[in-house]
Amino acid sequence: MTPQDTGIGDRVKSARKRSGLTQRELATASGLSKSLIGKLEQGEYGDMRLETARKIAAALHVETSAILAHHDSPETAPADTVESWEAVRRAAVGDHGPDIPDGEPTIASVRSALDTAVADVVGNRYADLRVILPPLLRDADDIVAAEVNGAATAARSVRSEVRQLAGFMLGQVRLFDAAETTMRLAADDASEPLTAMAAADWRSWILIRQGRLEDALALASRWAEESEPRIARATPEQFAAWGRLQLRITAAAIRGNRPDEAREALRLARIAASGAGHDFIPAFNRWQVFGPATVSMFAAQNALIEENADPALKVGARLEGRLFPLPETWNRFRLDVAQAHVLKRQYGEAVGVLADVRRAAPEWLAQQRYALDIMARVVHRRRTLTDEMRELADVVGLPLS
């Protein structure tokens, strides 16, 4: 996306003028540099990071969506990632190429292959998933085409799970358009309420990562309202499905500079977590987790977005050493802990956390734009770099300039 067709500069300039601030005053209020504000307004900066838009919106007392339109996606996949995941992208929308005579798939065989794929997601084995997913998606299409009557519903339910997993991975590697399309297809297949809620959960996540905060908020809010459980009779899995949607609401609201909505959604998520009882992986969403510790992580993340580092460090210290049900969720929160250390100018500690994450999930870390941003701040603020810092900068793809 070129700077000329984003409209970011015009929106920043218009909102600044409406607020009666000079560029220097906006820079001071937002904690950004005057030169960056000037470049944004002149269209010389290119794509804006979601966090930058949030800081400007907070300083101007407007919602983030007033600055960052939904098509201003701050994250895009590099060319080599696009190429390596092309077969998955095509298979997700039913483009399988020539038929391969390798036997007729069954619902049971697709479920078995899905179990393997889930294990690879949990283990962050991206290279394996690039190989597994295209034939799995083909087989899922085949069982739906072959089944009739009552069995068709079961086949479509399995295909929904397969598509959700594929959409999740496409989102992880920042192929967002493909990820959203795949999640829409997954939602169309989902006849069971919890599976449908999981599809809405993941689609909201994709929208948030694209910076489409209003769309994410509307989607998650609609599903949360329609699926609110009866507290006295709800199962832990019903609490988990509804609670995950509340977490999407709070994540979109805090980034959209809507703190009251963020607090209310977080309050409801805590109620759901209490009903769930403990952190667990739901059977309907096997690469997700929900429970009290998960909600604590989101609360700390909200505080961190408002540049309060203490909650993230406190939650991190409390959970350190515990066996958390899902490594990806824990690793993602560890990035928040690293960012909290950066805010406190504890650069060595931040790098130590990133190094731990790298040892645990090297393929996952390399895909995280958040990790790149953290390392960029470390490199910018440190006069000299250690060998470990230089190595991590390479791992996350930090450019030289």
Protein backbone atom coordinates (compact mmCIF):
# COMPACT_ATOMS: atom_id res chain seq x y z
CA MET A 1 0.00 0.00 0.00
CA THR A 2 1.47 3.33 -1.01
CA PRO A 3 1.38 6.41 1.22
CA GLN A 4 -0.72 8.27 -1.36
CA ASP A 5 -3.68 5.87 -1.20
CA THR A 6 -3.98 5.40 2.55
CA GLY A 7 -5.39 8.80 3.57
CA ILE A 8 -3.64 8.46 6.95
CA GLY A 9 -1.94 11.85 6.70
CA ASP A 10 -5.16 13.69 5.91
CA ARG A 11 -6.94 12.05 8.83
CA VAL A 12 -4.17 12.88 11.29
CA LYS A 13 -3.98 16.48 10.08
CA SER A 14 -7.75 16.98 10.15
CA ALA A 15 -8.13 15.49 13.64
CA ARG A 16 -5.20 17.55 14.94
CA LYS A 17 -6.66 20.79 13.60
CA ARG A 18 -10.09 19.94 15.01
CA SER A 19 -8.44 19.51 18.41
CA GLY A 20 -6.64 22.85 18.13
CA LEU A 21 -3.15 21.39 18.49
CA THR A 22 0.05 22.16 16.64
CA GLN A 23 2.23 19.33 15.38
CA ARG A 24 4.61 19.92 18.28
CA GLU A 25 1.78 19.85 20.83
CA LEU A 26 0.42 16.61 19.34
CA ALA A 27 3.89 15.09 19.43
CA THR A 28 4.26 15.98 23.10
CA ALA A 29 0.79 14.70 24.03
CA SER A 30 1.22 11.42 22.16
CA GLY A 31 4.82 10.73 23.13
CA LEU A 32 5.86 10.64 19.46
CA SER A 33 8.41 12.79 17.69
CA LYS A 34 7.45 15.98 15.86
CA SER A 35 9.25 14.70 12.77
CA LEU A 36 7.11 11.55 12.74
CA ILE A 37 3.90 13.60 13.03
CA GLY A 38 5.09 15.77 10.16
CA LYS A 39 5.95 12.79 7.98
CA LEU A 40 2.58 11.20 8.70
CA GLU A 41 0.70 14.32 7.70
CA GLN A 42 2.77 14.70 4.53
CA GLY A 43 2.21 11.08 3.50
CA GLU A 44 5.91 10.26 3.77
CA TYR A 45 5.70 7.64 6.50
CA GLY A 46 3.86 4.78 4.78
CA ASP A 47 1.81 2.29 6.79
CA MET A 48 1.04 3.30 10.37
CA ARG A 49 1.39 0.84 13.23
CA LEU A 50 -1.79 0.27 15.23
CA GLU A 51 -0.06 1.36 18.44
CA THR A 52 1.02 4.64 16.81
CA ALA A 53 -2.56 5.30 15.71
CA ARG A 54 -3.83 4.57 19.22
CA LYS A 55 -1.38 7.03 20.79
CA ILE A 56 -2.39 9.77 18.37
CA ALA A 57 -6.09 9.05 18.88
CA ALA A 58 -5.72 9.14 22.67
CA ALA A 59 -3.89 12.47 22.49
CA LEU A 60 -6.65 13.89 20.26
CA HIS A 61 -9.47 12.35 22.33
CA VAL A 62 -10.94 10.47 19.38
CA GLU A 63 -11.44 6.78 18.67
CA THR A 64 -8.58 5.03 16.90
CA SER A 65 -10.83 4.27 13.93
CA ALA A 66 -10.94 8.01 13.22
CA ILE A 67 -7.22 7.81 12.47
CA LEU A 68 -6.70 4.31 11.15
CA ALA A 69 -9.25 3.28 8.53
CA HIS A 70 -9.98 -0.42 8.18
CA HIS A 71 -7.95 -0.76 4.98
CA ASP A 72 -4.80 0.65 6.58
CA SER A 73 -3.45 -2.71 7.65
CA PRO A 74 -0.15 -2.18 9.49
CA GLU A 75 1.09 -5.74 9.04
CA THR A 76 1.81 -7.55 5.79
CA ALA A 77 3.55 -10.82 5.06
CA PRO A 78 6.92 -10.78 3.27
CA ALA A 79 7.11 -12.21 -0.24
CA ASP A 80 8.79 -15.46 0.81
CA THR A 81 6.00 -16.13 3.34
CA VAL A 82 3.33 -15.47 0.71
CA GLU A 83 5.01 -17.95 -1.63
CA SER A 84 5.56 -20.67 0.98
CA TRP A 85 1.91 -20.55 2.16
CA GLU A 86 0.35 -20.24 -1.29
CA ALA A 87 -0.69 -23.91 -1.43
CA VAL A 88 -2.50 -23.54 1.90
CA ARG A 89 -4.22 -20.34 0.77
CA ARG A 90 -5.47 -21.97 -2.42
CA ALA A 91 -6.61 -25.17 -0.71
CA ALA A 92 -8.53 -23.16 1.89
CA VAL A 93 -10.86 -21.82 -0.82
CA GLY A 94 -11.22 -25.17 -2.59
CA ASP A 95 -8.51 -24.83 -5.24
CA HIS A 96 -6.85 -28.23 -4.94
CA GLY A 97 -5.40 -28.79 -8.39
CA PRO A 98 -5.42 -32.26 -9.99
CA ASP A 99 -6.95 -35.10 -7.99
CA ILE A 100 -4.47 -37.41 -6.29
CA PRO A 101 -5.63 -41.07 -6.13
CA ASP A 102 -4.74 -41.81 -2.51
CA GLY A 103 -7.96 -43.40 -1.26
CA GLU A 104 -11.33 -42.10 -0.16
CA PRO A 105 -11.18 -39.96 2.99
CA THR A 106 -13.66 -40.54 5.80
CA ILE A 107 -14.83 -38.35 8.66
CA ALA A 108 -12.70 -40.48 10.98
CA SER A 109 -9.56 -40.16 8.84
CA VAL A 110 -9.97 -36.39 8.56
CA ARG A 111 -10.45 -36.11 12.32
CA SER A 112 -7.25 -38.12 12.82
CA ALA A 113 -5.31 -35.86 10.44
CA LEU A 114 -6.81 -32.82 12.17
CA ASP A 115 -5.51 -34.12 15.51
CA THR A 116 -2.01 -34.19 14.00
CA ALA A 117 -2.40 -30.65 12.67
CA VAL A 118 -3.62 -29.39 16.07
CA ALA A 119 -0.52 -30.91 17.70
CA ASP A 120 1.64 -29.09 15.15
CA VAL A 121 -0.13 -25.79 15.88
CA VAL A 122 0.37 -26.23 19.62
CA GLY A 123 4.00 -27.14 18.96
CA ASN A 124 4.53 -24.18 16.58
CA ARG A 125 5.72 -26.48 13.78
CA TYR A 126 5.00 -24.16 10.87
CA ALA A 127 7.00 -26.09 8.26
CA ASP A 128 5.03 -29.27 9.00
CA LEU A 129 1.73 -27.41 8.76
CA ARG A 130 2.54 -26.06 5.31
CA VAL A 131 2.78 -29.69 4.17
CA ILE A 132 -0.16 -31.10 6.14
CA LEU A 133 -2.81 -28.47 5.54
CA PRO A 134 -3.35 -28.60 1.74
CA PRO A 135 -4.25 -32.33 1.65
CA LEU A 136 -6.23 -32.00 4.88
CA LEU A 137 -8.31 -29.19 3.39
CA ARG A 138 -8.83 -31.23 0.23
CA ASP A 139 -9.97 -34.25 2.23
CA ALA A 140 -12.32 -32.08 4.28
CA ASP A 141 -13.94 -30.83 1.07
CA ASP A 142 -14.19 -34.42 -0.20
CA ILE A 143 -16.02 -35.76 2.86
CA VAL A 144 -18.56 -32.95 2.65
CA ALA A 145 -19.11 -33.64 -1.06
CA ALA A 146 -19.54 -37.38 -0.40
CA GLU A 147 -21.84 -37.31 2.63
CA VAL A 148 -25.61 -36.92 2.54
CA ASN A 149 -28.48 -36.50 4.99
CA GLY A 150 -27.45 -36.55 8.67
CA ALA A 151 -23.81 -37.34 7.96
CA ALA A 152 -23.43 -34.13 5.96
CA THR A 153 -23.82 -32.06 9.14
CA ALA A 154 -21.03 -34.01 10.86
CA ALA A 155 -18.78 -33.65 7.81
CA ARG A 156 -19.34 -29.90 7.62
CA SER A 157 -18.62 -29.56 11.33
CA VAL A 158 -15.27 -31.29 10.87
CA ARG A 159 -14.51 -29.10 7.86
CA SER A 160 -15.30 -26.02 9.94
CA GLU A 161 -12.61 -27.05 12.44
CA VAL A 162 -10.12 -27.73 9.64
CA ARG A 163 -10.85 -24.35 8.07
CA GLN A 164 -10.55 -22.59 11.41
CA LEU A 165 -7.14 -24.10 11.96
CA ALA A 166 -6.04 -23.13 8.43
CA GLY A 167 -7.43 -19.62 8.88
CA PHE A 168 -5.63 -19.28 12.19
CA MET A 169 -2.31 -20.24 10.60
CA LEU A 170 -2.83 -17.88 7.67
CA GLY A 171 -3.48 -15.13 10.22
CA GLN A 172 -0.37 -16.09 12.18
CA VAL A 173 1.79 -15.54 9.09
CA ARG A 174 -0.05 -12.28 8.30
CA LEU A 175 -1.95 -13.39 5.20
CA PHE A 176 -4.98 -11.61 6.55
CA ASP A 177 -7.27 -11.46 3.52
CA ALA A 178 -6.89 -15.21 3.02
CA ALA A 179 -7.33 -15.82 6.74
CA GLU A 180 -10.57 -13.85 6.92
CA THR A 181 -11.99 -15.55 3.83
CA THR A 182 -11.17 -18.94 5.33
CA MET A 183 -12.80 -18.04 8.64
CA ARG A 184 -15.95 -16.90 6.84
CA LEU A 185 -16.12 -20.28 5.14
CA ALA A 186 -15.55 -21.97 8.50
CA ALA A 187 -18.44 -20.02 10.00
CA ASP A 188 -20.70 -21.11 7.13
CA ASP A 189 -19.94 -24.74 7.98
CA ALA A 190 -20.43 -24.42 11.74
CA SER A 191 -23.85 -25.70 12.79
CA GLU A 192 -22.91 -26.44 16.42
CA PRO A 193 -23.06 -23.23 18.56
CA LEU A 194 -19.67 -23.57 20.25
CA THR A 195 -17.90 -24.24 16.94
CA ALA A 196 -19.62 -21.20 15.43
CA MET A 197 -18.54 -19.06 18.40
CA ALA A 198 -14.97 -20.26 17.93
CA ALA A 199 -15.09 -19.14 14.29
CA ALA A 200 -16.35 -15.71 15.39
CA ASP A 201 -13.59 -15.56 18.02
CA TRP A 202 -10.85 -16.21 15.45
CA ARG A 203 -12.34 -13.90 12.85
CA SER A 204 -12.44 -11.11 15.46
CA TRP A 205 -8.76 -11.81 16.18
CA ILE A 206 -7.92 -11.45 12.48
CA LEU A 207 -9.84 -8.17 12.26
CA ILE A 208 -7.98 -6.78 15.29
CA ARG A 209 -4.63 -7.69 13.76
CA GLN A 210 -5.66 -5.86 10.60
CA GLY A 211 -6.50 -2.73 12.58
CA ARG A 212 -10.19 -3.15 11.75
CA LEU A 213 -11.19 -2.43 15.32
CA GLU A 214 -14.79 -1.33 14.74
CA ASP A 215 -15.49 -4.44 12.67
CA ALA A 216 -13.93 -6.67 15.31
CA LEU A 217 -15.87 -4.96 18.10
CA ALA A 218 -19.17 -5.27 16.23
CA LEU A 219 -18.64 -8.94 15.37
CA ALA A 220 -17.55 -10.05 18.84
CA SER A 221 -20.22 -7.96 20.57
CA ARG A 222 -22.99 -9.41 18.42
CA TRP A 223 -21.92 -12.98 19.08
CA ALA A 224 -21.38 -12.35 22.79
CA GLU A 225 -24.85 -10.82 23.16
CA GLU A 226 -26.54 -13.65 21.27
CA SER A 227 -24.71 -16.38 23.17
CA GLU A 228 -24.65 -15.07 26.74
CA PRO A 229 -24.89 -18.15 28.98
CA ARG A 230 -27.23 -18.67 31.89
CA ILE A 231 -24.79 -18.35 34.76
CA ALA A 232 -26.42 -20.99 36.96
CA ARG A 233 -26.60 -23.64 34.23
CA ALA A 234 -23.69 -22.94 31.90
CA THR A 235 -20.94 -25.50 31.34
CA PRO A 236 -17.23 -24.57 31.54
CA GLU A 237 -17.03 -24.76 27.74
CA GLN A 238 -19.97 -22.37 27.32
CA PHE A 239 -18.28 -19.96 29.71
CA ALA A 240 -15.05 -20.33 27.72
CA ALA A 241 -16.68 -19.60 24.36
CA TRP A 242 -18.49 -16.52 25.70
CA GLY A 243 -15.50 -15.37 27.73
CA ARG A 244 -13.19 -15.55 24.71
CA LEU A 245 -15.55 -13.22 22.84
CA GLN A 246 -15.42 -10.79 25.78
CA LEU A 247 -11.61 -10.86 25.51
CA ARG A 248 -11.87 -9.93 21.84
CA ILE A 249 -14.17 -7.06 22.78
CA THR A 250 -11.80 -5.73 25.42
CA ALA A 251 -8.82 -6.05 23.06
CA ALA A 252 -10.57 -4.15 20.27
CA ALA A 253 -12.00 -1.52 22.62
CA ILE A 254 -8.74 -0.68 24.39
CA ARG A 255 -6.93 -0.33 21.07
CA GLY A 256 -9.81 1.75 19.76
CA ASN A 257 -9.45 4.20 22.65
CA ARG A 258 -12.74 3.12 24.21
CA PRO A 259 -11.61 2.38 27.79
CA ASP A 260 -15.06 2.12 29.38
CA GLU A 261 -16.12 -0.62 26.97
CA ALA A 262 -12.78 -2.34 27.49
CA ARG A 263 -13.26 -2.38 31.27
CA GLU A 264 -16.82 -3.70 31.04
CA ALA A 265 -15.83 -6.53 28.69
CA LEU A 266 -12.95 -7.42 30.99
CA ARG A 267 -15.37 -7.53 33.95
CA LEU A 268 -17.60 -9.95 32.05
CA ALA A 269 -14.59 -12.03 31.03
CA ARG A 270 -13.68 -12.39 34.71
CA ILE A 271 -17.19 -13.65 35.44
CA ALA A 272 -16.81 -16.21 32.66
CA ALA A 273 -13.39 -17.22 33.98
CA SER A 274 -14.86 -17.76 37.42
CA GLY A 275 -17.49 -20.00 35.86
CA ALA A 276 -14.85 -21.91 33.91
CA GLY A 277 -12.96 -22.50 37.15
CA HIS A 278 -9.45 -22.93 35.75
CA ASP A 279 -7.49 -22.39 32.56
CA PHE A 280 -8.18 -25.15 30.06
CA ILE A 281 -8.20 -25.86 26.32
CA PRO A 282 -11.83 -26.19 25.11
CA ALA A 283 -12.68 -29.27 23.05
CA PHE A 284 -14.32 -27.09 20.38
CA ASN A 285 -11.28 -24.80 20.00
CA ARG A 286 -8.18 -26.88 20.63
CA TRP A 287 -5.52 -24.25 19.96
CA GLN A 288 -7.09 -21.73 22.31
CA VAL A 289 -7.26 -21.45 26.10
CA PHE A 290 -9.49 -19.72 28.62
CA GLY A 291 -9.58 -19.26 32.36
CA PRO A 292 -8.57 -16.88 35.18
CA ALA A 293 -4.88 -16.66 34.24
CA THR A 294 -5.75 -15.96 30.60
CA VAL A 295 -8.01 -13.09 31.65
CA SER A 296 -5.22 -11.74 33.89
CA MET A 297 -2.93 -11.70 30.87
CA PHE A 298 -5.44 -9.67 28.85
CA ALA A 299 -5.93 -7.24 31.75
CA ALA A 300 -2.17 -6.73 31.95
CA GLN A 301 -2.05 -6.28 28.18
CA ASN A 302 -4.71 -3.56 28.37
CA ALA A 303 -2.67 -1.75 31.03
CA LEU A 304 0.45 -2.10 28.92
CA ILE A 305 -1.26 -0.53 25.91
CA GLU A 306 -1.86 2.46 28.16
CA GLU A 307 1.87 2.29 29.04
CA ASN A 308 1.46 0.92 32.54
CA ALA A 309 4.11 -1.80 32.74
CA ASP A 310 3.59 -2.98 36.31
CA PRO A 311 0.61 -5.35 35.82
CA ALA A 312 2.39 -7.29 33.07
CA LEU A 313 5.48 -7.74 35.25
CA LYS A 314 3.39 -8.78 38.26
CA VAL A 315 1.30 -11.29 36.31
CA GLY A 316 4.43 -12.62 34.61
CA ALA A 317 6.17 -13.15 37.95
CA ARG A 318 3.09 -14.86 39.39
CA LEU A 319 2.72 -17.25 36.45
CA GLU A 320 6.42 -17.93 35.82
CA GLY A 321 7.22 -21.58 36.22
CA ARG A 322 3.60 -22.74 36.04
CA LEU A 323 2.65 -25.30 33.42
CA PHE A 324 0.31 -23.21 31.27
CA PRO A 325 -2.09 -25.25 29.08
CA LEU A 326 -1.16 -23.62 25.76
CA PRO A 327 2.42 -22.56 24.93
CA GLU A 328 1.43 -20.03 22.25
CA THR A 329 -0.72 -18.02 24.68
CA TRP A 330 2.06 -18.02 27.25
CA ASN A 331 4.69 -17.04 24.65
CA ARG A 332 2.48 -14.19 23.43
CA PHE A 333 2.16 -12.90 26.97
CA ARG A 334 5.92 -13.18 27.42
CA LEU A 335 6.24 -10.60 24.65
CA ASP A 336 4.10 -8.31 26.79
CA VAL A 337 6.51 -8.92 29.67
CA ALA A 338 9.43 -8.03 27.39
CA GLN A 339 7.66 -4.84 26.32
CA ALA A 340 7.03 -3.97 29.99
CA HIS A 341 10.77 -4.26 30.66
CA VAL A 342 11.47 -1.96 27.70
CA LEU A 343 9.07 0.66 29.09
CA LYS A 344 11.07 0.54 32.32
CA ARG A 345 14.35 0.75 30.35
CA GLN A 346 15.31 -2.73 31.51
CA TYR A 347 16.70 -3.73 28.13
CA GLY A 348 18.76 -6.68 29.29
CA GLU A 349 15.72 -8.23 30.97
CA ALA A 350 13.61 -7.66 27.84
CA VAL A 351 16.18 -9.41 25.67
CA GLY A 352 16.39 -12.26 28.17
CA VAL A 353 12.64 -12.83 27.87
CA LEU A 354 12.83 -12.80 24.06
CA ALA A 355 15.70 -15.25 24.15
CA ASP A 356 13.60 -17.60 26.31
CA VAL A 357 10.73 -17.36 23.83
CA ARG A 358 13.10 -18.04 20.96
CA ARG A 359 14.31 -21.22 22.59
CA ALA A 360 10.72 -22.34 23.19
CA ALA A 361 9.18 -21.37 19.81
CA PRO A 362 11.70 -20.17 17.18
CA GLU A 363 9.35 -20.43 14.17
CA TRP A 364 6.57 -18.61 16.02
CA LEU A 365 8.84 -15.79 17.22
CA ALA A 366 10.14 -15.12 13.72
CA GLN A 367 6.55 -14.32 12.61
CA GLN A 368 5.77 -11.86 15.41
CA ARG A 369 5.78 -8.21 14.37
CA TYR A 370 5.44 -7.38 18.06
CA ALA A 371 8.83 -8.99 18.75
CA LEU A 372 10.35 -6.95 15.92
CA ASP A 373 8.98 -3.74 17.44
CA ILE A 374 10.40 -4.63 20.85
CA MET A 375 13.84 -5.31 19.41
CA ALA A 376 13.68 -2.08 17.40
CA ARG A 377 13.19 -0.13 20.63
CA VAL A 378 16.06 -1.98 22.31
CA VAL A 379 18.43 -1.37 19.39
CA HIS A 380 17.42 2.28 19.14
CA ARG A 381 17.90 3.01 22.84
CA ARG A 382 21.05 1.01 23.56
CA ARG A 383 24.43 2.59 22.78
CA THR A 384 26.01 -0.82 22.22
CA LEU A 385 24.52 -4.24 21.54
CA THR A 386 25.43 -7.61 22.95
CA ASP A 387 25.88 -10.63 20.71
CA GLU A 388 22.52 -11.93 21.89
CA MET A 389 20.79 -8.68 20.97
CA ARG A 390 22.32 -8.71 17.48
CA GLU A 391 21.29 -12.32 16.99
CA LEU A 392 17.71 -11.67 18.09
CA ALA A 393 17.48 -8.65 15.81
CA ASP A 394 18.31 -10.97 12.91
CA VAL A 395 15.82 -13.62 14.06
CA VAL A 396 12.87 -11.21 14.10
CA GLY A 397 13.90 -9.61 10.81
CA LEU A 398 14.83 -6.15 12.08
CA PRO A 399 16.05 -4.12 9.07
CA LEU A 400 19.38 -2.34 9.22
CA SER A 401 17.89 1.09 8.68
